[in-house]
């Protein structure tokens, strides 16, 4: 059977959590006749260094996690994101 959904960019998510997300998406789409459903999860980590007037400031670190759900049915599209 062909699955009607795709999950993108999950490299920062553990394999156990990936399985949970796939099962959740399958559960959400199962009772509906969707043409297509896509879940994109993006996790980023960044580290910044700055120099002000020749002086290096302490590094700053940040993490970001977001998701976007796209659904298509009968030529209509719906989007939801964090």
C-alpha atoms as a PDB file:
ATOM      1  CA  UNK A   1       0.000   0.000   0.000  1.00  0.00           C
ATOM      2  CA  UNK A   2       1.299   3.461  -0.905  1.00  0.00           C
ATOM      3  CA  UNK A   3       1.547   5.873   2.020  1.00  0.00           C
ATOM      4  CA  UNK A   4       0.006   9.287   1.441  1.00  0.00           C
ATOM      5  CA  UNK A   5       2.387  11.197   3.656  1.00  0.00           C
ATOM      6  CA  UNK A   6       6.018  12.205   3.862  1.00  0.00           C
ATOM      7  CA  UNK A   7       8.082  13.214   6.883  1.00  0.00           C
ATOM      8  CA  UNK A   8      11.068  15.474   6.089  1.00  0.00           C
ATOM      9  CA  UNK A   9      14.296  16.457   7.848  1.00  0.00           C
ATOM     10  CA  UNK A  10      14.314  14.370  10.984  1.00  0.00           C
ATOM     11  CA  UNK A  11      18.086  13.994  11.438  1.00  0.00           C
ATOM     12  CA  UNK A  12      18.084  15.592  14.925  1.00  0.00           C
ATOM     13  CA  UNK A  13      15.188  13.455  16.165  1.00  0.00           C
ATOM     14  CA  UNK A  14      15.822  10.055  17.730  1.00  0.00           C
ATOM     15  CA  UNK A  15      14.658   6.968  15.820  1.00  0.00           C
ATOM     16  CA  UNK A  16      12.128   6.218  18.584  1.00  0.00           C
ATOM     17  CA  UNK A  17      10.618   9.717  18.270  1.00  0.00           C
ATOM     18  CA  UNK A  18      10.578   9.377  14.458  1.00  0.00           C
ATOM     19  CA  UNK A  19       8.491   6.211  14.810  1.00  0.00           C
ATOM     20  CA  UNK A  20       6.108   8.023  17.183  1.00  0.00           C
ATOM     21  CA  UNK A  21       5.690  10.937  14.745  1.00  0.00           C
ATOM     22  CA  UNK A  22       5.088   8.595  11.801  1.00  0.00           C
ATOM     23  CA  UNK A  23       2.476   6.658  13.802  1.00  0.00           C
ATOM     24  CA  UNK A  24       0.778   9.899  14.860  1.00  0.00           C
ATOM     25  CA  UNK A  25       0.636  11.192  11.286  1.00  0.00           C
ATOM     26  CA  UNK A  26      -0.731   7.874  10.053  1.00  0.00           C
ATOM     27  CA  UNK A  27      -3.403   7.974  12.798  1.00  0.00           C
ATOM     28  CA  UNK A  28      -4.380  11.547  11.873  1.00  0.00           C
ATOM     29  CA  UNK A  29      -4.691  10.778   8.157  1.00  0.00           C
ATOM     30  CA  UNK A  30      -6.273   7.318   8.448  1.00  0.00           C
ATOM     31  CA  UNK A  31      -9.951   8.266   8.897  1.00  0.00           C
ATOM     32  CA  UNK A  32      -9.757  10.912   6.158  1.00  0.00           C
ATOM     33  CA  UNK A  33      -9.442  10.628   2.425  1.00  0.00           C
ATOM     34  CA  UNK A  34      -6.518  12.994   1.981  1.00  0.00           C
ATOM     35  CA  UNK A  35      -4.720  13.199  -1.333  1.00  0.00           C
ATOM     36  CA  UNK A  36      -1.409  14.053   0.329  1.00  0.00           C
ATOM     37  CA  UNK A  37      -0.021  14.956   3.742  1.00  0.00           C
ATOM     38  CA  UNK A  38       3.483  16.164   4.599  1.00  0.00           C
ATOM     39  CA  UNK A  39       5.095  16.799   7.989  1.00  0.00           C
ATOM     40  CA  UNK A  40       8.351  18.754   7.978  1.00  0.00           C
ATOM     41  CA  UNK A  41      10.288  18.869  11.237  1.00  0.00           C
ATOM     42  CA  UNK A  42      13.344  21.113  11.436  1.00  0.00           C
ATOM     43  CA  UNK A  43      15.770  21.289  14.350  1.00  0.00           C
ATOM     44  CA  UNK A  44      18.731  23.668  14.266  1.00  0.00           C
ATOM     45  CA  UNK A  45      21.600  24.462  16.565  1.00  0.00           C
ATOM     46  CA  UNK A  46      23.670  27.621  16.231  1.00  0.00           C
ATOM     47  CA  UNK A  47      26.693  29.180  17.869  1.00  0.00           C
ATOM     48  CA  UNK A  48      27.591  32.878  17.465  1.00  0.00           C
ATOM     49  CA  UNK A  49      30.798  34.766  18.145  1.00  0.00           C
ATOM     50  CA  UNK A  50      31.045  38.535  17.852  1.00  0.00           C
ATOM     51  CA  UNK A  51      33.859  41.037  17.963  1.00  0.00           C
ATOM     52  CA  UNK A  52      33.038  44.521  19.245  1.00  0.00           C
ATOM     53  CA  UNK A  53      35.757  47.152  19.099  1.00  0.00           C
ATOM     54  CA  UNK A  54      38.415  44.465  18.833  1.00  0.00           C
ATOM     55  CA  UNK A  55      37.114  42.492  21.829  1.00  0.00           C
ATOM     56  CA  UNK A  56      35.617  39.042  21.369  1.00  0.00           C
ATOM     57  CA  UNK A  57      32.340  38.626  23.247  1.00  0.00           C
ATOM     58  CA  UNK A  58      31.380  35.332  24.885  1.00  0.00           C
ATOM     59  CA  UNK A  59      29.774  32.832  22.508  1.00  0.00           C
ATOM     60  CA  UNK A  60      26.017  32.505  22.414  1.00  0.00           C
ATOM     61  CA  UNK A  61      24.249  29.230  21.688  1.00  0.00           C
ATOM     62  CA  UNK A  62      20.693  28.571  20.538  1.00  0.00           C
ATOM     63  CA  UNK A  63      18.491  25.635  19.589  1.00  0.00           C
ATOM     64  CA  UNK A  64      15.320  25.839  17.517  1.00  0.00           C
ATOM     65  CA  UNK A  65      12.694  23.215  16.730  1.00  0.00           C
ATOM     66  CA  UNK A  66       9.739  23.701  14.415  1.00  0.00           C
ATOM     67  CA  UNK A  67       7.224  21.738  12.401  1.00  0.00           C
ATOM     68  CA  UNK A  68       5.001  22.332   9.375  1.00  0.00           C
ATOM     69  CA  UNK A  69       2.030  20.203   8.355  1.00  0.00           C
ATOM     70  CA  UNK A  70       0.741  20.416   4.771  1.00  0.00           C
ATOM     71  CA  UNK A  71      -2.470  18.700   3.668  1.00  0.00           C
ATOM     72  CA  UNK A  72      -3.983  18.429   0.167  1.00  0.00           C
ATOM     73  CA  UNK A  73      -7.519  17.235  -0.571  1.00  0.00           C
ATOM     74  CA  UNK A  74      -9.650  17.644  -3.701  1.00  0.00           C
ATOM     75  CA  UNK A  75      -7.442  20.412  -5.096  1.00  0.00           C
ATOM     76  CA  UNK A  76      -7.404  22.418  -1.834  1.00  0.00           C
ATOM     77  CA  UNK A  77      -4.374  22.897   0.415  1.00  0.00           C
ATOM     78  CA  UNK A  78      -4.036  23.641   4.121  1.00  0.00           C
ATOM     79  CA  UNK A  79      -0.914  24.521   6.074  1.00  0.00           C
ATOM     80  CA  UNK A  80      -0.091  24.701   9.772  1.00  0.00           C
ATOM     81  CA  UNK A  81       3.252  25.500  11.365  1.00  0.00           C
ATOM     82  CA  UNK A  82       4.881  26.257  14.687  1.00  0.00           C
END
